Protein backbone atom coordinates (compact mmCIF):
# COMPACT_ATOMS: atom_id res chain seq x y z
CA UNK A 1 -15.35 -3.18 12.49
CA UNK A 2 -12.47 -1.78 10.40
CA UNK A 3 -14.71 0.66 8.54
CA UNK A 4 -15.90 1.88 11.95
CA UNK A 5 -12.26 2.47 12.96
CA UNK A 6 -11.56 4.38 9.74
CA UNK A 7 -14.58 6.58 10.44
CA UNK A 8 -13.58 6.99 14.09
CA UNK A 9 -10.15 8.19 12.92
CA UNK A 10 -11.96 10.61 10.57
CA UNK A 11 -10.73 9.15 7.30
CA UNK A 12 -12.37 11.02 4.42
CA UNK A 13 -15.04 9.09 2.49
CA UNK A 14 -12.76 8.90 -0.57
CA UNK A 15 -10.11 7.09 1.53
CA UNK A 16 -12.69 4.59 2.77
CA UNK A 17 -13.98 3.97 -0.78
CA UNK A 18 -10.42 3.60 -2.06
CA UNK A 19 -9.54 1.19 0.77
CA UNK A 20 -12.55 -1.00 0.00
CA UNK A 21 -11.52 -1.08 -3.69
CA UNK A 22 -7.91 -1.95 -2.74
CA UNK A 23 -9.22 -4.75 -0.52
CA UNK A 24 -11.26 -6.18 -3.38
CA UNK A 25 -8.25 -6.06 -5.73
CA UNK A 26 -5.94 -7.56 -3.09
CA UNK A 27 -8.34 -10.46 -2.56
CA UNK A 28 -8.42 -11.02 -6.34
CA UNK A 29 -4.61 -11.07 -6.57
CA UNK A 30 -4.30 -13.31 -3.50
CA UNK A 31 -6.29 -16.12 -5.13
CA UNK A 32 -3.07 -17.24 -6.84
CA UNK A 33 -1.11 -17.55 -3.59
CA UNK A 34 -1.13 -19.37 -0.27
CA UNK A 35 -1.65 -16.32 1.95
CA UNK A 36 -3.25 -15.24 5.19
CA UNK A 37 -6.52 -13.93 3.77
CA UNK A 38 -7.51 -12.17 7.01
CA UNK A 39 -4.17 -10.36 7.02
CA UNK A 40 -4.72 -9.29 3.40
CA UNK A 41 -8.23 -8.02 4.13
CA UNK A 42 -7.32 -6.12 7.29
CA UNK A 43 -4.10 -4.72 5.80
CA UNK A 44 -5.85 -3.56 2.64
CA UNK A 45 -8.70 -1.90 4.50
CA UNK A 46 -6.29 -0.18 6.89
CA UNK A 47 -3.46 0.65 4.46
CA UNK A 48 -4.41 4.35 4.22
CA UNK A 49 -5.62 4.96 7.79
CA UNK A 50 -2.73 7.41 8.15
CA UNK A 51 -4.44 9.66 5.61
CA UNK A 52 -6.79 10.58 8.44
CA UNK A 53 -3.89 12.71 9.70
CA UNK A 54 -1.88 13.57 6.55
CA UNK A 55 -1.67 12.99 2.81
CA UNK A 56 2.12 13.22 2.85
CA UNK A 57 4.56 10.37 2.20
CA UNK A 58 4.70 9.56 5.92
CA UNK A 59 1.03 8.51 6.05
CA UNK A 60 2.24 4.90 6.02
CA UNK A 61 4.27 5.38 9.19
CA UNK A 62 1.47 7.31 10.89
CA UNK A 63 -1.01 4.65 9.81
CA UNK A 64 1.14 1.83 11.20
CA UNK A 65 1.19 3.59 14.57
CA UNK A 66 -2.59 4.07 14.47
CA UNK A 67 -3.10 0.38 13.70
CA UNK A 68 -0.98 -0.61 16.71
CA UNK A 69 -2.96 1.86 18.85
CA UNK A 70 -6.15 0.07 17.76
CA UNK A 71 -4.71 -3.32 18.73
CA UNK A 72 -3.73 -4.66 15.31
CA UNK A 73 -0.66 -6.85 14.89
CA UNK A 74 2.86 -5.89 13.84
CA UNK A 75 2.14 -7.76 10.58
CA UNK A 76 -0.72 -5.34 9.83
CA UNK A 77 1.46 -2.38 10.83
CA UNK A 78 4.17 -3.60 8.44
CA UNK A 79 1.68 -3.85 5.56
CA UNK A 80 0.57 -0.28 6.22
CA UNK A 81 4.09 1.05 6.64
CA UNK A 82 5.40 -0.61 3.46
CA UNK A 83 2.48 -0.07 1.08
CA UNK A 84 3.64 3.19 -0.50
CA UNK A 85 4.41 2.83 -4.20
CA UNK A 86 6.49 -0.27 -4.77
CA UNK A 87 8.33 0.35 -1.52
CA UNK A 88 11.00 2.77 -0.39
CA UNK A 89 14.59 1.69 0.21
CA UNK A 90 16.50 2.81 3.31
CA UNK A 91 18.58 5.17 1.15
CA UNK A 92 15.49 6.66 -0.52
CA UNK A 93 13.79 7.06 2.87
CA UNK A 94 16.65 9.21 4.16
CA UNK A 95 16.58 11.38 1.02
CA UNK A 96 12.84 12.09 1.36
CA UNK A 97 12.89 12.70 5.11
CA UNK A 98 11.51 9.43 6.46
CA UNK A 99 13.20 7.58 9.32
CA UNK A 100 16.13 5.49 8.09
CA UNK A 101 14.50 2.13 7.44
CA UNK A 102 13.72 -0.25 4.60
CA UNK A 103 10.07 0.23 3.57
CA UNK A 104 10.09 -2.29 0.71
CA UNK A 105 7.36 -4.94 0.97
CA UNK A 106 8.87 -8.33 1.78
CA UNK A 107 6.11 -10.78 2.69
CA UNK A 108 3.64 -11.91 0.06
CA UNK A 109 0.84 -10.16 1.98
CA UNK A 110 2.80 -6.89 2.05
CA UNK A 111 3.47 -7.17 -1.67
CA UNK A 112 -0.15 -7.95 -2.56
CA UNK A 113 -1.62 -5.01 -0.61
CA UNK A 114 1.03 -2.62 -1.92
CA UNK A 115 0.44 -3.64 -5.52
CA UNK A 116 -3.33 -3.69 -5.19
CA UNK A 117 -3.00 -0.07 -4.03
CA UNK A 118 -0.80 0.71 -7.05
CA UNK A 119 -3.48 -0.65 -9.38
CA UNK A 120 -6.21 1.59 -8.00
CA UNK A 121 -6.68 5.24 -8.86
CA UNK A 122 -9.16 6.27 -6.22
CA UNK A 123 -11.76 3.51 -6.51
CA UNK A 124 -11.05 2.81 -10.18
CA UNK A 125 -8.80 -0.01 -11.31
CA UNK A 126 -5.96 1.03 -13.62
CA UNK A 127 -3.22 -0.80 -15.50
CA UNK A 128 0.51 -0.74 -14.98
CA UNK A 129 1.06 1.77 -17.82
CA UNK A 130 -1.31 4.24 -16.13
CA UNK A 131 0.65 3.87 -12.89
CA UNK A 132 4.01 4.39 -14.60
CA UNK A 133 2.76 7.54 -16.38
CA UNK A 134 1.27 8.89 -13.15
CA UNK A 135 4.57 8.35 -11.33
CA UNK A 136 6.53 10.01 -14.14
CA UNK A 137 4.28 13.10 -13.94
CA UNK A 138 4.69 13.29 -10.16
CA UNK A 139 8.47 13.57 -10.51
CA UNK A 140 9.20 10.79 -8.01
CA UNK A 141 12.81 10.81 -6.88
CA UNK A 142 14.69 7.69 -8.05
CA UNK A 143 11.93 7.05 -10.57
CA UNK A 144 13.94 4.39 -12.42
CA UNK A 145 14.40 2.30 -9.26
CA UNK A 146 10.75 2.71 -8.29
CA UNK A 147 9.52 1.75 -11.76
CA UNK A 148 11.85 -1.25 -11.80
CA UNK A 149 10.44 -2.44 -8.45
CA UNK A 150 6.89 -1.80 -9.72
CA UNK A 151 7.46 -3.89 -12.85
CA UNK A 152 9.07 -6.74 -10.88
CA UNK A 153 6.18 -6.75 -8.43
CA UNK A 154 3.66 -6.74 -11.26
CA UNK A 155 5.41 -9.65 -12.93
CA UNK A 156 5.57 -11.64 -9.68
CA UNK A 157 1.94 -11.03 -8.71
CA UNK A 158 0.04 -10.62 -11.98
CA UNK A 159 1.89 -11.47 -15.21
CA UNK A 160 3.19 -14.84 -14.09
CA UNK A 161 -0.43 -15.96 -13.64
CA UNK A 162 -1.91 -14.70 -16.92
């Protein structure tokens, strides 16, 4: 059903392939936690639905609105809205032109989908060093804060279980 919605919204095939890979990784990460598995699956598959309209930083906000339009819960919308990078603080949001709001993942499901997305480059799984180097090359504003959040998230979700 969700793949049908992604196609209906005209998500490019690469977005659909990426979303399936993120879902697989999110399910793998979630094995170590007591989580809502349906929420993880739906959130992961829908996390980039906003890319059907734009590839800009606001695709999370657009995607959250699309999910609500399709009848998904606020919890799913929050996963979509907060999945970008390791999250965006209210202060960072203002600086980059997003509505003033905290976009940092808070629930375990939000964190898992966000980090599963971080660990995928297209449909290929990558490690944390790859992600850090990619972010450094992209000249992310407040890179230090973003990398710090990324490393904390990685420790919480991955390292503490290896």
